Amino acid sequence: MNTCHKQILLPNLPQLDCLESPDAVINLLDEKGTRRTIESVNWREQYPYQPLTVFTAAHSGKNIYVDFFVRCNFLRAENFTNQSPVSEDCCVEFFVQPEEGAEYWNFEFNCIGTVNASHRIRRPEPTRLSDDEIDRIRRYGSCGTRPFRELEGIFTWNLLTVIPLDLIGTEYKGEPLKMKGNFYKCASAASQPHYMSWNPIDTPKPDFHRPEFFGDIILL
C-alpha cells in the first residue's frame, strides 16, 4: 500500500462563533472553509464498501469546526449515551494531536451526535472525557438525536461538530498552529462494515489509533 502524508490548512474564521444557527455556520464553512474527502479504503479486500464522505473544516481561534457529509446505503444509530461504542453505528471521527506533546484526542460521533471521546498516548491507556467535557462539544445533525436500528435505502446526512481548542489543551495565538490528526468514516457493526480515512493507514487490520499515520493539520 502506498501511504502518504497529507496536509490540510484550516482558515481562521472568527465570525463562526457569532453565528446563531447551524445552517449559517454550515453556509460559511461551505463558502470559506477547507473541504476534503475521506476516501482511503485501507482494507479494501475485507471491507470494500465506500460511502461518499466529505468534511469541511475551519477554526475560529477558540474552536475547531468540522461539518461531515455522508451519502450511504444504510443508516444505523443504536448508541445514545456518552462513551458508548458509536463506531458500531454510522460514525465519523476526528483524531487530533497538538504538536507540543505525544498525547492525542479521539472524537467519535455517530449520525445522531452521540460522542465517544478520550485522550491518550497509547491506545490501551485512555483517559475518558467526562460528561461535562463532552457537553462542551457542540453537535448539530440532520438525523436528530433519537436512536434507531439499521435502515436500508439511500441516505444523505450531515453532522456539524464544534470542538473547543482548550479541550485538547492548546491555544491559538494568532499565528499558524501546527497539529497532526486524521478524519475517519466507519460502521463496524453495520450490514456493510467499513473503515475509511482521510490520510491513508498501512496496517494489517483496521486500526485508527495510529498517530504515525496522522496528516498535518495547520490552523492558519
N, C-alpha and C. Protein backbone atom coordinates (compact mmCIF):
# COMPACT_ATOMS: atom_id res chain seq x y z
N MET A 1 0.84 -1.19 0.00
CA MET A 1 0.00 0.00 0.00
C MET A 1 0.88 1.24 0.00
N ASN A 2 0.54 2.20 -0.85
CA ASN A 2 1.27 3.46 -0.88
C ASN A 2 0.64 4.43 0.12
N THR A 3 1.38 4.79 1.13
CA THR A 3 0.88 5.75 2.09
C THR A 3 1.47 7.12 1.80
N CYS A 4 0.77 8.14 2.22
CA CYS A 4 1.25 9.50 2.01
C CYS A 4 0.98 10.30 3.27
N HIS A 5 1.53 11.48 3.29
CA HIS A 5 1.39 12.35 4.45
C HIS A 5 0.69 13.62 3.99
N LYS A 6 -0.62 13.66 4.17
CA LYS A 6 -1.41 14.78 3.67
C LYS A 6 -1.34 15.96 4.62
N GLN A 7 -1.73 17.11 4.07
CA GLN A 7 -1.78 18.33 4.87
C GLN A 7 -3.10 19.04 4.60
N ILE A 8 -3.68 19.60 5.65
CA ILE A 8 -4.89 20.41 5.48
C ILE A 8 -4.69 21.72 6.23
N LEU A 9 -5.03 22.82 5.57
CA LEU A 9 -4.93 24.15 6.16
C LEU A 9 -6.34 24.62 6.52
N LEU A 10 -6.55 24.97 7.80
CA LEU A 10 -7.86 25.41 8.26
C LEU A 10 -7.87 26.93 8.40
N PRO A 11 -8.70 27.63 7.64
CA PRO A 11 -8.72 29.09 7.74
C PRO A 11 -9.27 29.57 9.07
N ASN A 12 -8.86 30.75 9.46
CA ASN A 12 -9.33 31.38 10.70
C ASN A 12 -10.56 32.21 10.37
N LEU A 13 -11.71 31.79 10.87
CA LEU A 13 -12.97 32.49 10.64
C LEU A 13 -13.61 32.83 11.98
N PRO A 14 -13.17 33.92 12.64
CA PRO A 14 -13.69 34.25 13.97
C PRO A 14 -15.19 34.44 14.00
N GLN A 15 -15.77 34.84 12.86
CA GLN A 15 -17.21 35.09 12.82
C GLN A 15 -18.03 33.83 13.04
N LEU A 16 -17.41 32.65 12.92
CA LEU A 16 -18.14 31.40 13.18
C LEU A 16 -18.75 31.39 14.58
N ASP A 17 -18.02 31.94 15.55
CA ASP A 17 -18.51 31.92 16.94
C ASP A 17 -19.69 32.86 17.15
N CYS A 18 -19.93 33.76 16.20
CA CYS A 18 -21.00 34.75 16.35
C CYS A 18 -22.30 34.31 15.69
N LEU A 19 -22.24 33.24 14.91
CA LEU A 19 -23.43 32.80 14.18
C LEU A 19 -24.34 31.98 15.09
N GLU A 20 -25.64 32.24 15.01
CA GLU A 20 -26.58 31.62 15.95
C GLU A 20 -27.15 30.30 15.45
N SER A 21 -27.20 30.11 14.14
CA SER A 21 -27.85 28.89 13.63
C SER A 21 -26.82 27.96 12.99
N PRO A 22 -27.01 26.65 13.14
CA PRO A 22 -26.11 25.69 12.48
C PRO A 22 -26.09 25.87 10.96
N ASP A 23 -27.22 26.22 10.37
CA ASP A 23 -27.26 26.41 8.92
C ASP A 23 -26.34 27.55 8.50
N ALA A 24 -26.32 28.63 9.29
CA ALA A 24 -25.44 29.75 8.97
C ALA A 24 -23.98 29.34 9.08
N VAL A 25 -23.65 28.52 10.08
CA VAL A 25 -22.28 28.01 10.22
C VAL A 25 -21.91 27.16 9.03
N ILE A 26 -22.80 26.25 8.64
CA ILE A 26 -22.52 25.36 7.51
C ILE A 26 -22.34 26.16 6.23
N ASN A 27 -23.18 27.19 6.04
CA ASN A 27 -23.06 28.02 4.84
C ASN A 27 -21.71 28.72 4.78
N LEU A 28 -21.24 29.23 5.93
CA LEU A 28 -19.95 29.90 5.96
C LEU A 28 -18.81 28.91 5.73
N LEU A 29 -18.93 27.73 6.33
CA LEU A 29 -17.92 26.70 6.08
C LEU A 29 -17.88 26.33 4.61
N ASP A 30 -19.05 26.18 3.99
CA ASP A 30 -19.09 25.84 2.57
C ASP A 30 -18.43 26.92 1.72
N GLU A 31 -18.61 28.18 2.15
CA GLU A 31 -18.08 29.30 1.38
C GLU A 31 -16.59 29.51 1.58
N LYS A 32 -16.12 29.39 2.83
CA LYS A 32 -14.76 29.79 3.13
C LYS A 32 -13.91 28.72 3.82
N GLY A 33 -14.52 27.60 4.19
CA GLY A 33 -13.76 26.54 4.85
C GLY A 33 -12.97 25.70 3.87
N THR A 34 -12.26 24.71 4.38
CA THR A 34 -11.48 23.78 3.56
C THR A 34 -12.20 22.45 3.50
N ARG A 35 -12.41 21.96 2.28
CA ARG A 35 -13.17 20.72 2.08
C ARG A 35 -12.24 19.61 1.61
N ARG A 36 -12.40 18.45 2.19
CA ARG A 36 -11.64 17.27 1.79
C ARG A 36 -12.56 16.04 1.80
N THR A 37 -12.11 15.00 1.12
CA THR A 37 -12.86 13.75 1.04
C THR A 37 -12.17 12.67 1.87
N ILE A 38 -12.95 11.90 2.59
CA ILE A 38 -12.44 10.72 3.30
C ILE A 38 -12.58 9.55 2.33
N GLU A 39 -11.49 9.18 1.67
CA GLU A 39 -11.61 8.25 0.55
C GLU A 39 -10.57 7.13 0.56
N SER A 40 -9.73 7.05 1.60
CA SER A 40 -8.76 5.96 1.66
C SER A 40 -9.44 4.71 2.22
N VAL A 41 -9.63 3.73 1.36
CA VAL A 41 -10.22 2.44 1.77
C VAL A 41 -9.03 1.53 2.08
N ASN A 42 -8.58 1.56 3.31
CA ASN A 42 -7.28 0.98 3.65
C ASN A 42 -7.27 -0.54 3.70
N TRP A 43 -8.43 -1.15 3.88
CA TRP A 43 -8.50 -2.61 3.97
C TRP A 43 -9.56 -3.09 2.97
N ARG A 44 -9.29 -2.78 1.72
CA ARG A 44 -10.30 -2.94 0.67
C ARG A 44 -10.73 -4.39 0.48
N GLU A 45 -9.82 -5.33 0.62
CA GLU A 45 -10.19 -6.73 0.37
C GLU A 45 -11.25 -7.21 1.36
N GLN A 46 -11.08 -6.84 2.64
CA GLN A 46 -12.05 -7.29 3.65
C GLN A 46 -13.26 -6.35 3.73
N TYR A 47 -13.02 -5.05 3.50
CA TYR A 47 -14.07 -4.05 3.71
C TYR A 47 -14.10 -3.09 2.52
N PRO A 48 -14.71 -3.51 1.40
CA PRO A 48 -14.65 -2.71 0.18
C PRO A 48 -15.66 -1.57 0.12
N TYR A 49 -16.68 -1.61 0.96
CA TYR A 49 -17.74 -0.61 0.85
C TYR A 49 -17.20 0.79 1.10
N GLN A 50 -17.61 1.75 0.25
CA GLN A 50 -17.04 3.09 0.30
C GLN A 50 -18.15 4.14 0.17
N PRO A 51 -18.84 4.48 1.26
CA PRO A 51 -19.82 5.55 1.17
C PRO A 51 -19.14 6.90 0.94
N LEU A 52 -19.78 7.75 0.17
CA LEU A 52 -19.24 9.09 -0.07
C LEU A 52 -19.18 9.84 1.26
N THR A 53 -18.01 10.34 1.62
CA THR A 53 -17.83 11.06 2.88
C THR A 53 -16.94 12.27 2.65
N VAL A 54 -17.47 13.44 2.98
CA VAL A 54 -16.75 14.69 2.80
C VAL A 54 -16.80 15.46 4.11
N PHE A 55 -15.73 16.19 4.42
CA PHE A 55 -15.78 17.08 5.58
C PHE A 55 -15.28 18.46 5.17
N THR A 56 -15.84 19.47 5.81
CA THR A 56 -15.44 20.85 5.59
C THR A 56 -15.07 21.43 6.95
N ALA A 57 -13.92 22.09 7.05
CA ALA A 57 -13.42 22.49 8.36
C ALA A 57 -12.82 23.89 8.32
N ALA A 58 -12.82 24.51 9.50
CA ALA A 58 -12.18 25.81 9.73
C ALA A 58 -12.04 25.95 11.24
N HIS A 59 -11.49 27.08 11.68
CA HIS A 59 -11.43 27.35 13.12
C HIS A 59 -11.75 28.82 13.36
N SER A 60 -12.09 29.13 14.60
CA SER A 60 -12.49 30.49 14.96
C SER A 60 -11.46 31.19 15.84
N GLY A 61 -10.37 30.50 16.17
CA GLY A 61 -9.44 30.98 17.18
C GLY A 61 -9.71 30.37 18.53
N LYS A 62 -10.97 29.98 18.75
CA LYS A 62 -11.38 29.34 20.01
C LYS A 62 -11.83 27.90 19.80
N ASN A 63 -12.39 27.61 18.62
CA ASN A 63 -12.99 26.30 18.35
C ASN A 63 -12.58 25.79 16.98
N ILE A 64 -12.54 24.47 16.84
CA ILE A 64 -12.42 23.83 15.54
C ILE A 64 -13.82 23.41 15.09
N TYR A 65 -14.19 23.78 13.88
CA TYR A 65 -15.48 23.43 13.29
C TYR A 65 -15.26 22.40 12.20
N VAL A 66 -15.98 21.28 12.29
CA VAL A 66 -15.92 20.25 11.24
C VAL A 66 -17.35 19.84 10.89
N ASP A 67 -17.71 20.00 9.63
CA ASP A 67 -19.01 19.55 9.15
C ASP A 67 -18.80 18.34 8.26
N PHE A 68 -19.34 17.20 8.68
CA PHE A 68 -19.24 15.96 7.92
C PHE A 68 -20.50 15.77 7.07
N PHE A 69 -20.32 15.30 5.84
CA PHE A 69 -21.44 14.98 4.95
C PHE A 69 -21.23 13.57 4.43
N VAL A 70 -22.29 12.73 4.50
CA VAL A 70 -22.19 11.33 4.12
C VAL A 70 -23.36 10.96 3.22
N ARG A 71 -23.08 10.17 2.19
CA ARG A 71 -24.13 9.53 1.39
C ARG A 71 -23.89 8.03 1.45
N CYS A 72 -24.91 7.28 1.88
CA CYS A 72 -24.70 5.85 2.15
C CYS A 72 -25.96 5.05 1.84
N ASN A 73 -25.81 3.71 1.90
CA ASN A 73 -26.90 2.80 1.57
C ASN A 73 -27.61 2.24 2.80
N PHE A 74 -27.24 2.70 3.97
CA PHE A 74 -27.90 2.26 5.20
C PHE A 74 -27.64 3.30 6.26
N LEU A 75 -28.42 3.22 7.32
CA LEU A 75 -28.27 4.17 8.42
C LEU A 75 -28.49 3.42 9.72
N ARG A 76 -27.56 3.59 10.67
CA ARG A 76 -27.64 2.89 11.95
C ARG A 76 -27.19 3.83 13.05
N ALA A 77 -27.99 3.90 14.15
CA ALA A 77 -27.63 4.75 15.29
C ALA A 77 -28.25 4.16 16.55
N GLU A 78 -27.67 3.07 17.03
CA GLU A 78 -28.22 2.39 18.20
C GLU A 78 -27.64 2.92 19.51
N ASN A 79 -26.49 3.57 19.45
CA ASN A 79 -25.85 4.06 20.67
C ASN A 79 -26.28 5.51 20.95
N PHE A 80 -26.67 5.77 22.20
CA PHE A 80 -27.23 7.09 22.50
C PHE A 80 -26.73 7.67 23.83
N THR A 81 -25.78 7.02 24.49
CA THR A 81 -25.23 7.55 25.74
C THR A 81 -23.75 7.86 25.56
N ASN A 82 -23.27 8.84 26.33
CA ASN A 82 -21.86 9.22 26.25
C ASN A 82 -20.95 8.01 26.44
N GLN A 83 -19.91 7.95 25.65
CA GLN A 83 -18.86 6.92 25.72
C GLN A 83 -19.35 5.53 25.34
N SER A 84 -20.50 5.44 24.68
CA SER A 84 -20.91 4.15 24.13
C SER A 84 -20.18 3.90 22.80
N PRO A 85 -20.17 2.67 22.31
CA PRO A 85 -19.35 2.33 21.13
C PRO A 85 -19.97 2.82 19.82
N VAL A 86 -19.90 4.12 19.59
CA VAL A 86 -20.54 4.72 18.43
C VAL A 86 -19.92 4.27 17.12
N SER A 87 -18.69 3.73 17.17
CA SER A 87 -18.06 3.26 15.92
C SER A 87 -18.79 2.07 15.33
N GLU A 88 -19.67 1.44 16.09
CA GLU A 88 -20.51 0.37 15.54
C GLU A 88 -21.56 0.92 14.58
N ASP A 89 -21.97 2.17 14.82
CA ASP A 89 -23.03 2.81 14.04
C ASP A 89 -22.44 3.52 12.83
N CYS A 90 -23.30 4.24 12.11
CA CYS A 90 -22.81 5.16 11.08
C CYS A 90 -22.05 6.27 11.80
N CYS A 91 -20.75 6.28 11.64
CA CYS A 91 -19.87 7.04 12.52
C CYS A 91 -18.85 7.83 11.72
N VAL A 92 -18.59 9.07 12.19
CA VAL A 92 -17.49 9.89 11.67
C VAL A 92 -16.60 10.25 12.85
N GLU A 93 -15.31 10.41 12.58
CA GLU A 93 -14.36 10.60 13.68
C GLU A 93 -13.30 11.62 13.30
N PHE A 94 -12.80 12.29 14.34
CA PHE A 94 -11.71 13.25 14.20
C PHE A 94 -10.71 12.99 15.32
N PHE A 95 -9.49 12.60 14.94
CA PHE A 95 -8.41 12.40 15.90
C PHE A 95 -7.42 13.55 15.72
N VAL A 96 -6.92 14.11 16.83
CA VAL A 96 -6.05 15.27 16.73
C VAL A 96 -4.96 15.20 17.79
N GLN A 97 -3.77 15.61 17.41
CA GLN A 97 -2.61 15.57 18.30
C GLN A 97 -1.90 16.93 18.24
N PRO A 98 -2.03 17.75 19.30
CA PRO A 98 -1.28 19.01 19.33
C PRO A 98 0.22 18.73 19.19
N GLU A 99 0.91 19.62 18.50
CA GLU A 99 2.32 19.38 18.16
C GLU A 99 3.20 19.30 19.40
N GLU A 100 2.80 19.98 20.46
CA GLU A 100 3.70 20.09 21.60
C GLU A 100 3.77 18.83 22.47
N GLY A 101 2.98 17.80 22.16
CA GLY A 101 3.02 16.61 23.01
C GLY A 101 2.69 15.34 22.24
N ALA A 102 2.91 14.20 22.89
CA ALA A 102 2.63 12.92 22.26
C ALA A 102 1.17 12.51 22.42
N GLU A 103 0.45 13.17 23.32
CA GLU A 103 -0.93 12.79 23.60
C GLU A 103 -1.83 13.19 22.43
N TYR A 104 -2.81 12.34 22.12
CA TYR A 104 -3.78 12.67 21.08
C TYR A 104 -5.19 12.45 21.60
N TRP A 105 -6.12 13.14 20.98
CA TRP A 105 -7.53 13.07 21.34
C TRP A 105 -8.31 12.38 20.23
N ASN A 106 -9.24 11.49 20.61
CA ASN A 106 -10.14 10.89 19.63
C ASN A 106 -11.57 11.34 19.91
N PHE A 107 -12.19 11.91 18.90
CA PHE A 107 -13.58 12.34 18.96
C PHE A 107 -14.37 11.51 17.95
N GLU A 108 -15.28 10.68 18.45
CA GLU A 108 -16.04 9.77 17.60
C GLU A 108 -17.53 10.11 17.76
N PHE A 109 -18.24 10.22 16.63
CA PHE A 109 -19.64 10.63 16.64
C PHE A 109 -20.46 9.71 15.75
N ASN A 110 -21.59 9.20 16.25
CA ASN A 110 -22.50 8.55 15.31
C ASN A 110 -23.41 9.62 14.69
N CYS A 111 -24.28 9.20 13.79
CA CYS A 111 -25.03 10.17 12.99
C CYS A 111 -26.07 10.94 13.79
N ILE A 112 -26.36 10.52 15.04
CA ILE A 112 -27.25 11.30 15.90
C ILE A 112 -26.46 12.10 16.95
N GLY A 113 -25.14 12.16 16.77
CA GLY A 113 -24.32 13.03 17.60
C GLY A 113 -23.87 12.46 18.92
N THR A 114 -24.09 11.18 19.16
CA THR A 114 -23.56 10.55 20.37
C THR A 114 -22.04 10.54 20.31
N VAL A 115 -21.40 10.80 21.46
CA VAL A 115 -19.95 11.01 21.48
C VAL A 115 -19.23 9.92 22.27
N ASN A 116 -18.15 9.43 21.70
CA ASN A 116 -17.15 8.65 22.43
C ASN A 116 -15.84 9.41 22.28
N ALA A 117 -15.27 9.88 23.39
CA ALA A 117 -14.09 10.74 23.29
C ALA A 117 -13.13 10.47 24.45
N SER A 118 -11.85 10.48 24.12
CA SER A 118 -10.80 10.22 25.10
C SER A 118 -9.54 10.94 24.67
N HIS A 119 -8.55 10.95 25.56
CA HIS A 119 -7.20 11.33 25.15
C HIS A 119 -6.22 10.34 25.74
N ARG A 120 -5.11 10.18 25.06
CA ARG A 120 -4.17 9.11 25.44
C ARG A 120 -2.86 9.29 24.68
N ILE A 121 -1.85 8.57 25.15
CA ILE A 121 -0.61 8.44 24.39
C ILE A 121 -0.58 7.09 23.68
N ARG A 122 -1.07 6.07 24.37
CA ARG A 122 -1.16 4.73 23.80
C ARG A 122 -2.61 4.27 23.83
N ARG A 123 -2.99 3.50 22.81
CA ARG A 123 -4.40 3.09 22.70
C ARG A 123 -4.93 2.39 23.96
N PRO A 124 -4.17 1.50 24.59
CA PRO A 124 -4.74 0.76 25.73
C PRO A 124 -4.92 1.60 26.99
N GLU A 125 -4.47 2.86 26.98
CA GLU A 125 -4.49 3.65 28.22
C GLU A 125 -5.23 4.96 28.03
N PRO A 126 -6.55 4.90 27.78
CA PRO A 126 -7.30 6.13 27.53
C PRO A 126 -7.69 6.85 28.82
N THR A 127 -7.79 8.15 28.71
CA THR A 127 -8.44 8.97 29.73
C THR A 127 -9.75 9.46 29.12
N ARG A 128 -10.87 8.94 29.60
CA ARG A 128 -12.17 9.27 29.03
C ARG A 128 -12.56 10.70 29.38
N LEU A 129 -13.13 11.41 28.43
CA LEU A 129 -13.67 12.72 28.73
C LEU A 129 -14.89 12.57 29.65
N SER A 130 -15.05 13.50 30.55
CA SER A 130 -16.19 13.49 31.46
C SER A 130 -17.45 13.95 30.73
N ASP A 131 -18.59 13.74 31.37
CA ASP A 131 -19.85 14.22 30.78
C ASP A 131 -19.82 15.74 30.60
N ASP A 132 -19.24 16.43 31.56
CA ASP A 132 -19.16 17.89 31.45
C ASP A 132 -18.28 18.31 30.28
N GLU A 133 -17.19 17.60 30.07
CA GLU A 133 -16.32 17.91 28.92
C GLU A 133 -17.03 17.61 27.61
N ILE A 134 -17.74 16.49 27.56
CA ILE A 134 -18.47 16.14 26.34
C ILE A 134 -19.56 17.16 26.06
N ASP A 135 -20.18 17.69 27.10
CA ASP A 135 -21.22 18.70 26.90
C ASP A 135 -20.68 19.95 26.21
N ARG A 136 -19.39 20.19 26.29
CA ARG A 136 -18.79 21.36 25.65
C ARG A 136 -18.62 21.18 24.14
N ILE A 137 -18.75 19.93 23.66
CA ILE A 137 -18.64 19.64 22.23
C ILE A 137 -20.02 19.81 21.62
N ARG A 138 -20.18 20.85 20.82
CA ARG A 138 -21.49 21.09 20.20
C ARG A 138 -21.66 20.19 18.98
N ARG A 139 -22.87 19.67 18.82
CA ARG A 139 -23.18 18.78 17.71
C ARG A 139 -24.56 19.13 17.16
N TYR A 140 -24.62 19.21 15.84
CA TYR A 140 -25.88 19.51 15.15
C TYR A 140 -25.99 18.56 13.97
N GLY A 141 -26.96 17.64 14.02
CA GLY A 141 -27.06 16.62 12.99
C GLY A 141 -28.41 16.60 12.30
N SER A 142 -28.40 16.19 11.04
CA SER A 142 -29.63 16.12 10.27
C SER A 142 -30.49 14.91 10.63
N CYS A 143 -29.93 13.95 11.39
CA CYS A 143 -30.68 12.74 11.75
C CYS A 143 -31.38 12.84 13.09
N GLY A 144 -31.33 14.03 13.73
CA GLY A 144 -31.93 14.17 15.05
C GLY A 144 -31.07 13.54 16.12
N THR A 145 -31.69 13.22 17.26
CA THR A 145 -30.93 12.68 18.39
C THR A 145 -31.50 11.36 18.93
N ARG A 146 -32.57 10.87 18.33
CA ARG A 146 -33.18 9.63 18.81
C ARG A 146 -32.50 8.43 18.17
N PRO A 147 -32.19 7.38 18.96
CA PRO A 147 -31.54 6.19 18.39
C PRO A 147 -32.50 5.38 17.53
N PHE A 148 -31.94 4.58 16.62
CA PHE A 148 -32.76 3.71 15.78
C PHE A 148 -31.90 2.57 15.26
N ARG A 149 -32.57 1.47 14.94
CA ARG A 149 -31.88 0.32 14.35
C ARG A 149 -31.62 0.58 12.87
N GLU A 150 -30.83 -0.30 12.29
CA GLU A 150 -30.38 -0.07 10.92
C GLU A 150 -31.55 0.02 9.94
N LEU A 151 -31.45 1.01 9.07
CA LEU A 151 -32.40 1.22 7.99
C LEU A 151 -31.68 1.04 6.66
N GLU A 152 -32.38 0.48 5.68
CA GLU A 152 -31.81 0.32 4.35
C GLU A 152 -32.43 1.34 3.41
N GLY A 153 -31.65 1.80 2.44
CA GLY A 153 -32.12 2.78 1.49
C GLY A 153 -30.97 3.65 1.03
N ILE A 154 -31.29 4.77 0.42
CA ILE A 154 -30.28 5.75 0.04
C ILE A 154 -30.44 6.95 0.96
N PHE A 155 -29.40 7.24 1.72
CA PHE A 155 -29.47 8.29 2.73
C PHE A 155 -28.34 9.29 2.53
N THR A 156 -28.63 10.55 2.80
CA THR A 156 -27.59 11.56 2.96
C THR A 156 -27.79 12.20 4.32
N TRP A 157 -26.69 12.46 5.01
CA TRP A 157 -26.80 13.09 6.33
C TRP A 157 -25.55 13.91 6.60
N ASN A 158 -25.70 14.85 7.50
CA ASN A 158 -24.53 15.64 7.89
C ASN A 158 -24.51 15.79 9.40
N LEU A 159 -23.33 16.02 9.92
CA LEU A 159 -23.14 16.28 11.34
C LEU A 159 -22.11 17.39 11.49
N LEU A 160 -22.54 18.50 12.07
CA LEU A 160 -21.65 19.62 12.37
C LEU A 160 -21.14 19.46 13.79
N THR A 161 -19.83 19.51 13.97
CA THR A 161 -19.22 19.38 15.30
C THR A 161 -18.36 20.61 15.58
N VAL A 162 -18.39 21.04 16.85
CA VAL A 162 -17.62 22.21 17.28
C VAL A 162 -16.83 21.82 18.52
N ILE A 163 -15.50 21.80 18.41
CA ILE A 163 -14.64 21.31 19.47
C ILE A 163 -13.78 22.46 20.00
N PRO A 164 -13.90 22.80 21.28
CA PRO A 164 -13.07 23.87 21.85
C PRO A 164 -11.59 23.50 21.83
N LEU A 165 -10.76 24.44 21.44
CA LEU A 165 -9.32 24.18 21.42
C LEU A 165 -8.78 23.91 22.82
N ASP A 166 -9.33 24.58 23.83
CA ASP A 166 -8.79 24.36 25.17
C ASP A 166 -9.14 22.97 25.69
N LEU A 167 -10.11 22.31 25.06
CA LEU A 167 -10.45 20.95 25.46
C LEU A 167 -9.33 19.98 25.09
N ILE A 168 -8.55 20.32 24.08
CA ILE A 168 -7.42 19.47 23.70
C ILE A 168 -6.10 20.08 24.19
N GLY A 169 -6.21 21.01 25.11
CA GLY A 169 -5.03 21.53 25.79
C GLY A 169 -4.14 22.42 24.96
N THR A 170 -4.73 23.14 24.01
CA THR A 170 -3.91 24.01 23.18
C THR A 170 -4.58 25.36 23.01
N GLU A 171 -3.82 26.34 22.50
CA GLU A 171 -4.31 27.70 22.38
C GLU A 171 -3.81 28.30 21.06
N TYR A 172 -4.70 29.00 20.38
CA TYR A 172 -4.35 29.70 19.15
C TYR A 172 -3.95 31.13 19.51
N LYS A 173 -2.76 31.54 19.09
CA LYS A 173 -2.22 32.84 19.49
C LYS A 173 -2.06 33.80 18.32
N GLY A 174 -2.83 33.56 17.25
CA GLY A 174 -2.82 34.50 16.14
C GLY A 174 -1.83 34.18 15.05
N GLU A 175 -1.08 33.11 15.21
CA GLU A 175 -0.15 32.68 14.17
C GLU A 175 -0.37 31.20 13.92
N PRO A 176 0.08 30.66 12.78
CA PRO A 176 -0.23 29.28 12.43
C PRO A 176 0.07 28.29 13.56
N LEU A 177 -0.92 27.47 13.84
CA LEU A 177 -0.81 26.46 14.90
C LEU A 177 -0.78 25.09 14.24
N LYS A 178 0.33 24.38 14.43
CA LYS A 178 0.52 23.09 13.78
C LYS A 178 0.07 21.95 14.70
N MET A 179 -0.72 21.06 14.12
CA MET A 179 -1.16 19.85 14.81
C MET A 179 -1.08 18.69 13.82
N LYS A 180 -1.33 17.51 14.31
CA LYS A 180 -1.45 16.34 13.46
C LYS A 180 -2.79 15.68 13.74
N GLY A 181 -3.26 14.89 12.79
CA GLY A 181 -4.53 14.23 13.02
C GLY A 181 -5.03 13.49 11.80
N ASN A 182 -6.24 12.96 11.93
CA ASN A 182 -6.86 12.23 10.84
C ASN A 182 -8.38 12.31 10.99
N PHE A 183 -9.06 12.06 9.89
CA PHE A 183 -10.52 12.07 9.85
C PHE A 183 -10.97 10.72 9.31
N TYR A 184 -12.03 10.17 9.90
CA TYR A 184 -12.42 8.81 9.58
C TYR A 184 -13.92 8.68 9.33
N LYS A 185 -14.27 7.59 8.64
CA LYS A 185 -15.66 7.15 8.49
C LYS A 185 -15.67 5.65 8.71
N CYS A 186 -16.59 5.18 9.57
CA CYS A 186 -16.64 3.74 9.83
C CYS A 186 -18.05 3.34 10.26
N ALA A 187 -18.26 2.04 10.35
CA ALA A 187 -19.51 1.46 10.86
C ALA A 187 -19.25 -0.02 11.05
N SER A 188 -18.71 -0.39 12.21
CA SER A 188 -18.17 -1.75 12.38
C SER A 188 -19.25 -2.81 12.53
N ALA A 189 -20.44 -2.44 13.04
CA ALA A 189 -21.48 -3.44 13.28
C ALA A 189 -22.62 -3.36 12.27
N ALA A 190 -22.46 -2.58 11.22
CA ALA A 190 -23.50 -2.43 10.22
C ALA A 190 -23.44 -3.58 9.21
N SER A 191 -24.46 -3.65 8.37
CA SER A 191 -24.52 -4.74 7.39
C SER A 191 -23.42 -4.63 6.35
N GLN A 192 -22.90 -3.40 6.13
CA GLN A 192 -21.75 -3.20 5.24
C GLN A 192 -20.66 -2.48 6.03
N PRO A 193 -19.93 -3.22 6.86
CA PRO A 193 -18.89 -2.58 7.68
C PRO A 193 -17.81 -1.97 6.80
N HIS A 194 -17.26 -0.85 7.28
CA HIS A 194 -16.22 -0.17 6.51
C HIS A 194 -15.37 0.66 7.45
N TYR A 195 -14.16 0.96 6.99
CA TYR A 195 -13.17 1.71 7.78
C TYR A 195 -12.36 2.57 6.81
N MET A 196 -12.73 3.83 6.70
CA MET A 196 -12.10 4.73 5.75
C MET A 196 -11.41 5.88 6.48
N SER A 197 -10.39 6.46 5.82
CA SER A 197 -9.66 7.56 6.45
C SER A 197 -9.32 8.63 5.42
N TRP A 198 -9.05 9.83 5.93
CA TRP A 198 -8.55 10.93 5.09
C TRP A 198 -7.08 10.67 4.74
N ASN A 199 -6.23 10.52 5.74
CA ASN A 199 -4.84 10.16 5.48
C ASN A 199 -4.72 8.63 5.54
N PRO A 200 -4.09 8.01 4.55
CA PRO A 200 -4.06 6.55 4.48
C PRO A 200 -3.38 5.92 5.70
N ILE A 201 -3.80 4.69 6.00
CA ILE A 201 -3.25 3.91 7.11
C ILE A 201 -2.74 2.59 6.54
N ASP A 202 -1.52 2.22 6.88
CA ASP A 202 -0.93 1.00 6.37
C ASP A 202 -0.71 0.04 7.54
N THR A 203 -1.76 -0.69 7.90
CA THR A 203 -1.70 -1.71 8.94
C THR A 203 -2.42 -2.96 8.44
N PRO A 204 -2.13 -4.13 9.01
CA PRO A 204 -2.75 -5.36 8.52
C PRO A 204 -4.26 -5.40 8.71
N LYS A 205 -4.77 -4.76 9.77
CA LYS A 205 -6.20 -4.76 10.04
C LYS A 205 -6.62 -3.36 10.50
N PRO A 206 -7.91 -3.07 10.50
CA PRO A 206 -8.36 -1.72 10.86
C PRO A 206 -7.87 -1.27 12.22
N ASP A 207 -7.27 -0.09 12.23
CA ASP A 207 -6.77 0.50 13.48
C ASP A 207 -6.60 2.00 13.25
N PHE A 208 -7.52 2.78 13.80
CA PHE A 208 -7.46 4.23 13.65
C PHE A 208 -6.52 4.89 14.65
N HIS A 209 -6.17 4.16 15.70
CA HIS A 209 -5.33 4.74 16.76
C HIS A 209 -3.85 4.59 16.40
N ARG A 210 -3.46 5.20 15.30
CA ARG A 210 -2.09 5.08 14.82
C ARG A 210 -1.57 6.48 14.45
N PRO A 211 -1.05 7.21 15.44
CA PRO A 211 -0.57 8.57 15.18
C PRO A 211 0.51 8.66 14.11
N GLU A 212 1.22 7.56 13.88
CA GLU A 212 2.26 7.61 12.85
C GLU A 212 1.68 7.81 11.45
N PHE A 213 0.38 7.62 11.30
CA PHE A 213 -0.28 7.83 10.02
C PHE A 213 -1.14 9.09 10.02
N PHE A 214 -0.99 9.94 11.01
CA PHE A 214 -1.70 11.22 11.02
C PHE A 214 -1.12 12.14 9.94
N GLY A 215 -2.00 12.97 9.37
CA GLY A 215 -1.54 14.02 8.49
C GLY A 215 -1.34 15.32 9.26
N ASP A 216 -0.89 16.34 8.55
CA ASP A 216 -0.65 17.66 9.17
C ASP A 216 -1.94 18.48 9.12
N ILE A 217 -2.29 19.06 10.24
CA ILE A 217 -3.42 19.98 10.35
C ILE A 217 -2.86 21.31 10.82
N ILE A 218 -3.02 22.35 10.02
CA ILE A 218 -2.47 23.66 10.36
C ILE A 218 -3.58 24.68 10.45
N LEU A 219 -3.73 25.26 11.63
CA LEU A 219 -4.70 26.33 11.84
C LEU A 219 -4.05 27.65 11.44
N LEU A 220 -4.54 28.25 10.39
CA LEU A 220 -3.93 29.49 9.88
C LEU A 220 -4.33 30.69 10.72
